[in-house]
Amino acid sequence: MNTPNEKLDARTLNCPLPILRTRRALSGMAPGQLLEVTATDPGSVKDMDAFCRQTGHELLSASQGEGEYVFLIKKA
């Protein structure tokens, strides 16, 4: 079970704010820690994938339900 070390609520934020808040949250975490991000912006799906590929963080999971998107990211 991947229990997040921190959670980020990015609901109601539009691009690029979910990514900017994710970047800020990860900067304060130790390598290997997990961040769970909840967003409502449909664009965050492709944005979060691209962000993780560009920065070296690992996108462990991405799920959708009830108009929300939940991402689990492992800090590089």
PDB file of N, CA and C in Angstrom:
ATOM      1  N   MET A   1       0.853  -1.201   0.000  1.00  0.00           N
ATOM      2  CA  MET A   1       0.000   0.000   0.000  1.00  0.00           C
ATOM      3  C   MET A   1       0.883   1.243   0.000  1.00  0.00           C
ATOM      4  N   ASN A   2       0.631   2.119  -0.931  1.00  0.00           N
ATOM      5  CA  ASN A   2       1.388   3.368  -1.024  1.00  0.00           C
ATOM      6  C   ASN A   2       0.655   4.473  -0.278  1.00  0.00           C
ATOM      7  N   THR A   3       1.058   4.724   0.955  1.00  0.00           N
ATOM      8  CA  THR A   3       0.450   5.767   1.755  1.00  0.00           C
ATOM      9  C   THR A   3       1.222   7.057   1.531  1.00  0.00           C
ATOM     10  N   PRO A   4       0.534   8.121   1.099  1.00  0.00           N
ATOM     11  CA  PRO A   4       1.244   9.372   0.829  1.00  0.00           C
ATOM     12  C   PRO A   4       1.797  10.011   2.096  1.00  0.00           C
ATOM     13  N   ASN A   5       2.977  10.618   1.969  1.00  0.00           N
ATOM     14  CA  ASN A   5       3.557  11.372   3.075  1.00  0.00           C
ATOM     15  C   ASN A   5       2.856  12.721   3.206  1.00  0.00           C
ATOM     16  N   GLU A   6       2.425  13.263   2.060  1.00  0.00           N
ATOM     17  CA  GLU A   6       1.726  14.542   2.052  1.00  0.00           C
ATOM     18  C   GLU A   6       0.609  14.499   1.011  1.00  0.00           C
ATOM     19  N   LYS A   7      -0.398  15.353   1.229  1.00  0.00           N
ATOM     20  CA  LYS A   7      -1.506  15.467   0.279  1.00  0.00           C
ATOM     21  C   LYS A   7      -1.638  16.919  -0.144  1.00  0.00           C
ATOM     22  N   LEU A   8      -1.932  17.109  -1.427  1.00  0.00           N
ATOM     23  CA  LEU A   8      -2.119  18.445  -1.977  1.00  0.00           C
ATOM     24  C   LEU A   8      -3.509  18.520  -2.586  1.00  0.00           C
ATOM     25  N   ASP A   9      -4.288  19.499  -2.147  1.00  0.00           N
ATOM     26  CA  ASP A   9      -5.622  19.723  -2.692  1.00  0.00           C
ATOM     27  C   ASP A   9      -5.523  20.819  -3.749  1.00  0.00           C
ATOM     28  N   ALA A  10      -5.569  20.420  -5.019  1.00  0.00           N
ATOM     29  CA  ALA A  10      -5.507  21.380  -6.122  1.00  0.00           C
ATOM     30  C   ALA A  10      -6.860  21.475  -6.820  1.00  0.00           C
ATOM     31  N   ARG A  11      -7.917  21.064  -6.135  1.00  0.00           N
ATOM     32  CA  ARG A  11      -9.259  21.149  -6.717  1.00  0.00           C
ATOM     33  C   ARG A  11      -9.618  22.604  -6.953  1.00  0.00           C
ATOM     34  N   THR A  12     -10.362  22.857  -7.990  1.00  0.00           N
ATOM     35  CA  THR A  12     -10.847  24.168  -8.455  1.00  0.00           C
ATOM     36  C   THR A  12      -9.748  25.024  -9.074  1.00  0.00           C
ATOM     37  N   LEU A  13      -8.498  24.583  -9.065  1.00  0.00           N
ATOM     38  CA  LEU A  13      -7.418  25.344  -9.681  1.00  0.00           C
ATOM     39  C   LEU A  13      -7.288  24.959 -11.148  1.00  0.00           C
ATOM     40  N   ASN A  14      -7.057  25.946 -11.990  1.00  0.00           N
ATOM     41  CA  ASN A  14      -6.881  25.695 -13.413  1.00  0.00           C
ATOM     42  C   ASN A  14      -5.409  25.799 -13.787  1.00  0.00           C
ATOM     43  N   CYS A  15      -5.073  25.210 -14.923  1.00  0.00           N
ATOM     44  CA  CYS A  15      -3.717  25.201 -15.451  1.00  0.00           C
ATOM     45  C   CYS A  15      -3.163  26.621 -15.476  1.00  0.00           C
ATOM     46  N   PRO A  16      -1.956  26.846 -15.046  1.00  0.00           N
ATOM     47  CA  PRO A  16      -0.931  25.883 -14.636  1.00  0.00           C
ATOM     48  C   PRO A  16      -0.824  25.694 -13.130  1.00  0.00           C
ATOM     49  N   LEU A  17      -1.788  26.199 -12.359  1.00  0.00           N
ATOM     50  CA  LEU A  17      -1.665  26.174 -10.899  1.00  0.00           C
ATOM     51  C   LEU A  17      -1.496  24.784 -10.277  1.00  0.00           C
ATOM     52  N   PRO A  18      -2.204  23.743 -10.744  1.00  0.00           N
ATOM     53  CA  PRO A  18      -1.968  22.423 -10.126  1.00  0.00           C
ATOM     54  C   PRO A  18      -0.504  21.975 -10.239  1.00  0.00           C
ATOM     55  N   ILE A  19       0.122  22.239 -11.384  1.00  0.00           N
ATOM     56  CA  ILE A  19       1.523  21.845 -11.569  1.00  0.00           C
ATOM     57  C   ILE A  19       2.433  22.706 -10.704  1.00  0.00           C
ATOM     58  N   LEU A  20       2.182  23.997 -10.648  1.00  0.00           N
ATOM     59  CA  LEU A  20       3.019  24.888  -9.831  1.00  0.00           C
ATOM     60  C   LEU A  20       2.939  24.518  -8.358  1.00  0.00           C
ATOM     61  N   ARG A  21       1.736  24.208  -7.878  1.00  0.00           N
ATOM     62  CA  ARG A  21       1.580  23.813  -6.468  1.00  0.00           C
ATOM     63  C   ARG A  21       2.236  22.456  -6.213  1.00  0.00           C
ATOM     64  N   THR A  22       2.153  21.563  -7.198  1.00  0.00           N
ATOM     65  CA  THR A  22       2.796  20.251  -7.073  1.00  0.00           C
ATOM     66  C   THR A  22       4.306  20.422  -6.978  1.00  0.00           C
ATOM     67  N   ARG A  23       4.866  21.245  -7.834  1.00  0.00           N
ATOM     68  CA  ARG A  23       6.305  21.510  -7.820  1.00  0.00           C
ATOM     69  C   ARG A  23       6.739  22.060  -6.451  1.00  0.00           C
ATOM     70  N   ARG A  24       5.966  23.004  -5.928  1.00  0.00           N
ATOM     71  CA  ARG A  24       6.288  23.605  -4.630  1.00  0.00           C
ATOM     72  C   ARG A  24       6.215  22.562  -3.514  1.00  0.00           C
ATOM     73  N   ALA A  25       5.178  21.741  -3.529  1.00  0.00           N
ATOM     74  CA  ALA A  25       5.022  20.715  -2.489  1.00  0.00           C
ATOM     75  C   ALA A  25       6.173  19.710  -2.537  1.00  0.00           C
ATOM     76  N   LEU A  26       6.547  19.275  -3.738  1.00  0.00           N
ATOM     77  CA  LEU A  26       7.633  18.301  -3.875  1.00  0.00           C
ATOM     78  C   LEU A  26       8.976  18.880  -3.442  1.00  0.00           C
ATOM     79  N   SER A  27       9.172  20.175  -3.623  1.00  0.00           N
ATOM     80  CA  SER A  27      10.458  20.788  -3.280  1.00  0.00           C
ATOM     81  C   SER A  27      10.735  20.701  -1.780  1.00  0.00           C
ATOM     82  N   GLY A  28       9.686  20.600  -0.974  1.00  0.00           N
ATOM     83  CA  GLY A  28       9.866  20.512   0.472  1.00  0.00           C
ATOM     84  C   GLY A  28       9.894  19.089   1.002  1.00  0.00           C
ATOM     85  N   MET A  29       9.905  18.115   0.107  1.00  0.00           N
ATOM     86  CA  MET A  29       9.861  16.712   0.515  1.00  0.00           C
ATOM     87  C   MET A  29      11.208  16.032   0.263  1.00  0.00           C
ATOM     88  N   ALA A  30      11.434  14.930   0.966  1.00  0.00           N
ATOM     89  CA  ALA A  30      12.663  14.153   0.793  1.00  0.00           C
ATOM     90  C   ALA A  30      12.503  13.172  -0.365  1.00  0.00           C
ATOM     91  N   PRO A  31      13.616  12.844  -1.046  1.00  0.00           N
ATOM     92  CA  PRO A  31      13.550  11.850  -2.121  1.00  0.00           C
ATOM     93  C   PRO A  31      12.927  10.539  -1.631  1.00  0.00           C
ATOM     94  N   GLY A  32      12.049   9.979  -2.474  1.00  0.00           N
ATOM     95  CA  GLY A  32      11.384   8.728  -2.129  1.00  0.00           C
ATOM     96  C   GLY A  32      10.041   8.912  -1.440  1.00  0.00           C
ATOM     97  N   GLN A  33       9.771  10.125  -0.953  1.00  0.00           N
ATOM     98  CA  GLN A  33       8.482  10.360  -0.307  1.00  0.00           C
ATOM     99  C   GLN A  33       7.384  10.457  -1.357  1.00  0.00           C
ATOM    100  N   LEU A  34       6.151  10.216  -0.921  1.00  0.00           N
ATOM    101  CA  LEU A  34       4.998  10.197  -1.821  1.00  0.00           C
ATOM    102  C   LEU A  34       4.086  11.394  -1.593  1.00  0.00           C
ATOM    103  N   LEU A  35       3.641  11.980  -2.704  1.00  0.00           N
ATOM    104  CA  LEU A  35       2.711  13.102  -2.678  1.00  0.00           C
ATOM    105  C   LEU A  35       1.447  12.696  -3.418  1.00  0.00           C
ATOM    106  N   GLU A  36       0.303  12.895  -2.779  1.00  0.00           N
ATOM    107  CA  GLU A  36      -0.986  12.653  -3.426  1.00  0.00           C
ATOM    108  C   GLU A  36      -1.585  14.003  -3.803  1.00  0.00           C
ATOM    109  N   VAL A  37      -1.913  14.158  -5.077  1.00  0.00           N
ATOM    110  CA  VAL A  37      -2.485  15.407  -5.579  1.00  0.00           C
ATOM    111  C   VAL A  37      -3.898  15.137  -6.072  1.00  0.00           C
ATOM    112  N   THR A  38      -4.844  15.947  -5.622  1.00  0.00           N
ATOM    113  CA  THR A  38      -6.224  15.854  -6.099  1.00  0.00           C
ATOM    114  C   THR A  38      -6.527  17.119  -6.881  1.00  0.00           C
ATOM    115  N   ALA A  39      -6.975  16.953  -8.130  1.00  0.00           N
ATOM    116  CA  ALA A  39      -7.261  18.090  -9.003  1.00  0.00           C
ATOM    117  C   ALA A  39      -8.600  17.884  -9.709  1.00  0.00           C
ATOM    118  N   THR A  40      -9.168  18.979 -10.189  1.00  0.00           N
ATOM    119  CA  THR A  40     -10.425  18.904 -10.947  1.00  0.00           C
ATOM    120  C   THR A  40     -10.241  19.356 -12.389  1.00  0.00           C
ATOM    121  N   ASP A  41      -9.110  19.931 -12.719  1.00  0.00           N
ATOM    122  CA  ASP A  41      -8.828  20.401 -14.080  1.00  0.00           C
ATOM    123  C   ASP A  41      -8.527  19.202 -14.980  1.00  0.00           C
ATOM    124  N   PRO A  42      -9.352  18.946 -16.018  1.00  0.00           N
ATOM    125  CA  PRO A  42      -9.101  17.805 -16.901  1.00  0.00           C
ATOM    126  C   PRO A  42      -7.726  17.846 -17.565  1.00  0.00           C
ATOM    127  N   GLY A  43      -7.180  19.030 -17.773  1.00  0.00           N
ATOM    128  CA  GLY A  43      -5.863  19.161 -18.367  1.00  0.00           C
ATOM    129  C   GLY A  43      -4.749  18.667 -17.466  1.00  0.00           C
ATOM    130  N   SER A  44      -5.042  18.515 -16.190  1.00  0.00           N
ATOM    131  CA  SER A  44      -4.003  18.079 -15.250  1.00  0.00           C
ATOM    132  C   SER A  44      -3.542  16.651 -15.534  1.00  0.00           C
ATOM    133  N   VAL A  45      -4.351  15.864 -16.229  1.00  0.00           N
ATOM    134  CA  VAL A  45      -3.975  14.479 -16.530  1.00  0.00           C
ATOM    135  C   VAL A  45      -2.720  14.450 -17.401  1.00  0.00           C
ATOM    136  N   LYS A  46      -2.762  15.139 -18.533  1.00  0.00           N
ATOM    137  CA  LYS A  46      -1.586  15.151 -19.407  1.00  0.00           C
ATOM    138  C   LYS A  46      -0.473  16.021 -18.827  1.00  0.00           C
ATOM    139  N   ASP A  47      -0.848  17.089 -18.127  1.00  0.00           N
ATOM    140  CA  ASP A  47       0.149  17.981 -17.533  1.00  0.00           C
ATOM    141  C   ASP A  47       0.972  17.269 -16.460  1.00  0.00           C
ATOM    142  N   MET A  48       0.324  16.491 -15.617  1.00  0.00           N
ATOM    143  CA  MET A  48       1.031  15.820 -14.526  1.00  0.00           C
ATOM    144  C   MET A  48       1.978  14.759 -15.086  1.00  0.00           C
ATOM    145  N   ASP A  49       1.543  14.062 -16.117  1.00  0.00           N
ATOM    146  CA  ASP A  49       2.397  13.063 -16.756  1.00  0.00           C
ATOM    147  C   ASP A  49       3.637  13.730 -17.353  1.00  0.00           C
ATOM    148  N   ALA A  50       3.434  14.814 -18.082  1.00  0.00           N
ATOM    149  CA  ALA A  50       4.552  15.536 -18.697  1.00  0.00           C
ATOM    150  C   ALA A  50       5.476  16.122 -17.630  1.00  0.00           C
ATOM    151  N   PHE A  51       4.909  16.670 -16.576  1.00  0.00           N
ATOM    152  CA  PHE A  51       5.710  17.247 -15.488  1.00  0.00           C
ATOM    153  C   PHE A  51       6.624  16.194 -14.878  1.00  0.00           C
ATOM    154  N   CYS A  52       6.085  15.016 -14.609  1.00  0.00           N
ATOM    155  CA  CYS A  52       6.887  13.958 -13.988  1.00  0.00           C
ATOM    156  C   CYS A  52       7.990  13.474 -14.933  1.00  0.00           C
ATOM    157  N   ARG A  53       7.683  13.334 -16.198  1.00  0.00           N
ATOM    158  CA  ARG A  53       8.707  12.911 -17.166  1.00  0.00           C
ATOM    159  C   ARG A  53       9.824  13.943 -17.274  1.00  0.00           C
ATOM    160  N   GLN A  54       9.481  15.221 -17.238  1.00  0.00           N
ATOM    161  CA  GLN A  54      10.472  16.286 -17.402  1.00  0.00           C
ATOM    162  C   GLN A  54      11.329  16.484 -16.155  1.00  0.00           C
ATOM    163  N   THR A  55      10.777  16.195 -14.983  1.00  0.00           N
ATOM    164  CA  THR A  55      11.492  16.481 -13.733  1.00  0.00           C
ATOM    165  C   THR A  55      12.104  15.240 -13.091  1.00  0.00           C
ATOM    166  N   GLY A  56      11.775  14.050 -13.602  1.00  0.00           N
ATOM    167  CA  GLY A  56      12.350  12.828 -13.063  1.00  0.00           C
ATOM    168  C   GLY A  56      11.569  12.214 -11.919  1.00  0.00           C
ATOM    169  N   HIS A  57      10.491  12.860 -11.496  1.00  0.00           N
ATOM    170  CA  HIS A  57       9.638  12.268 -10.462  1.00  0.00           C
ATOM    171  C   HIS A  57       8.856  11.122 -11.087  1.00  0.00           C
ATOM    172  N   GLU A  58       8.420  10.184 -10.256  1.00  0.00           N
ATOM    173  CA  GLU A  58       7.714   9.010 -10.773  1.00  0.00           C
ATOM    174  C   GLU A  58       6.214   9.120 -10.506  1.00  0.00           C
ATOM    175  N   LEU A  59       5.427   9.085 -11.582  1.00  0.00           N
ATOM    176  CA  LEU A  59       3.971   9.086 -11.453  1.00  0.00           C
ATOM    177  C   LEU A  59       3.543   7.644 -11.214  1.00  0.00           C
ATOM    178  N   LEU A  60       3.251   7.310  -9.963  1.00  0.00           N
ATOM    179  CA  LEU A  60       2.921   5.930  -9.595  1.00  0.00           C
ATOM    180  C   LEU A  60       1.513   5.546 -10.016  1.00  0.00           C
ATOM    181  N   SER A  61       0.582   6.503  -9.928  1.00  0.00           N
ATOM    182  CA  SER A  61      -0.787   6.200 -10.332  1.00  0.00           C
ATOM    183  C   SER A  61      -1.534   7.484 -10.668  1.00  0.00           C
ATOM    184  N   ALA A  62      -2.539   7.329 -11.517  1.00  0.00           N
ATOM    185  CA  ALA A  62      -3.443   8.415 -11.875  1.00  0.00           C
ATOM    186  C   ALA A  62      -4.824   7.801 -12.000  1.00  0.00           C
ATOM    187  N   SER A  63      -5.774   8.334 -11.251  1.00  0.00           N
ATOM    188  CA  SER A  63      -7.129   7.779 -11.300  1.00  0.00           C
ATOM    189  C   SER A  63      -8.142   8.911 -11.399  1.00  0.00           C
ATOM    190  N   GLN A  64      -9.330   8.549 -11.859  1.00  0.00           N
ATOM    191  CA  GLN A  64     -10.388   9.532 -12.045  1.00  0.00           C
ATOM    192  C   GLN A  64     -11.667   9.020 -11.425  1.00  0.00           C
ATOM    193  N   GLY A  65     -12.399   9.930 -10.812  1.00  0.00           N
ATOM    194  CA  GLY A  65     -13.697   9.576 -10.260  1.00  0.00           C
ATOM    195  C   GLY A  65     -14.446  10.809  -9.806  1.00  0.00           C
ATOM    196  N   GLU A  66     -15.721  10.871 -10.098  1.00  0.00           N
ATOM    197  CA  GLU A  66     -16.582  11.969  -9.644  1.00  0.00           C
ATOM    198  C   GLU A  66     -16.022  13.353  -9.969  1.00  0.00           C
ATOM    199  N   GLY A  67     -15.466  13.507 -11.170  1.00  0.00           N
ATOM    200  CA  GLY A  67     -14.970  14.809 -11.599  1.00  0.00           C
ATOM    201  C   GLY A  67     -13.646  15.214 -10.981  1.00  0.00           C
ATOM    202  N   GLU A  68     -13.009  14.289 -10.295  1.00  0.00           N
ATOM    203  CA  GLU A  68     -11.711  14.565  -9.678  1.00  0.00           C
ATOM    204  C   GLU A  68     -10.659  13.613 -10.230  1.00  0.00           C
ATOM    205  N   TYR A  69      -9.437  14.075 -10.238  1.00  0.00           N
ATOM    206  CA  TYR A  69      -8.297  13.284 -10.684  1.00  0.00           C
ATOM    207  C   TYR A  69      -7.332  13.192  -9.514  1.00  0.00           C
ATOM    208  N   VAL A  70      -6.882  11.980  -9.223  1.00  0.00           N
ATOM    209  CA  VAL A  70      -5.966  11.769  -8.093  1.00  0.00           C
ATOM    210  C   VAL A  70      -4.670  11.170  -8.617  1.00  0.00           C
ATOM    211  N   PHE A  71      -3.567  11.821  -8.274  1.00  0.00           N
ATOM    212  CA  PHE A  71      -2.240  11.405  -8.730  1.00  0.00           C
ATOM    213  C   PHE A  71      -1.384  11.055  -7.525  1.00  0.00           C
ATOM    214  N   LEU A  72      -0.606   9.997  -7.649  1.00  0.00           N
ATOM    215  CA  LEU A  72       0.353   9.642  -6.616  1.00  0.00           C
ATOM    216  C   LEU A  72       1.738   9.749  -7.243  1.00  0.00           C
ATOM    217  N   ILE A  73       2.548  10.644  -6.674  1.00  0.00           N
ATOM    218  CA  ILE A  73       3.863  10.948  -7.232  1.00  0.00           C
ATOM    219  C   ILE A  73       4.948  10.620  -6.209  1.00  0.00           C
ATOM    220  N   LYS A  74       5.989   9.939  -6.688  1.00  0.00           N
ATOM    221  CA  LYS A  74       7.157   9.629  -5.855  1.00  0.00           C
ATOM    222  C   LYS A  74       8.247  10.625  -6.200  1.00  0.00           C
ATOM    223  N   LYS A  75       8.709  11.366  -5.182  1.00  0.00           N
ATOM    224  CA  LYS A  75       9.741  12.373  -5.416  1.00  0.00           C
ATOM    225  C   LYS A  75      11.056  11.723  -5.806  1.00  0.00           C
ATOM    226  N   ALA A  76      11.696  12.281  -6.824  1.00  0.00           N
ATOM    227  CA  ALA A  76      12.987  11.772  -7.300  1.00  0.00           C
ATOM    228  C   ALA A  76      14.100  12.127  -6.323  1.00  0.00           C
TER     229      ALA A  76
END
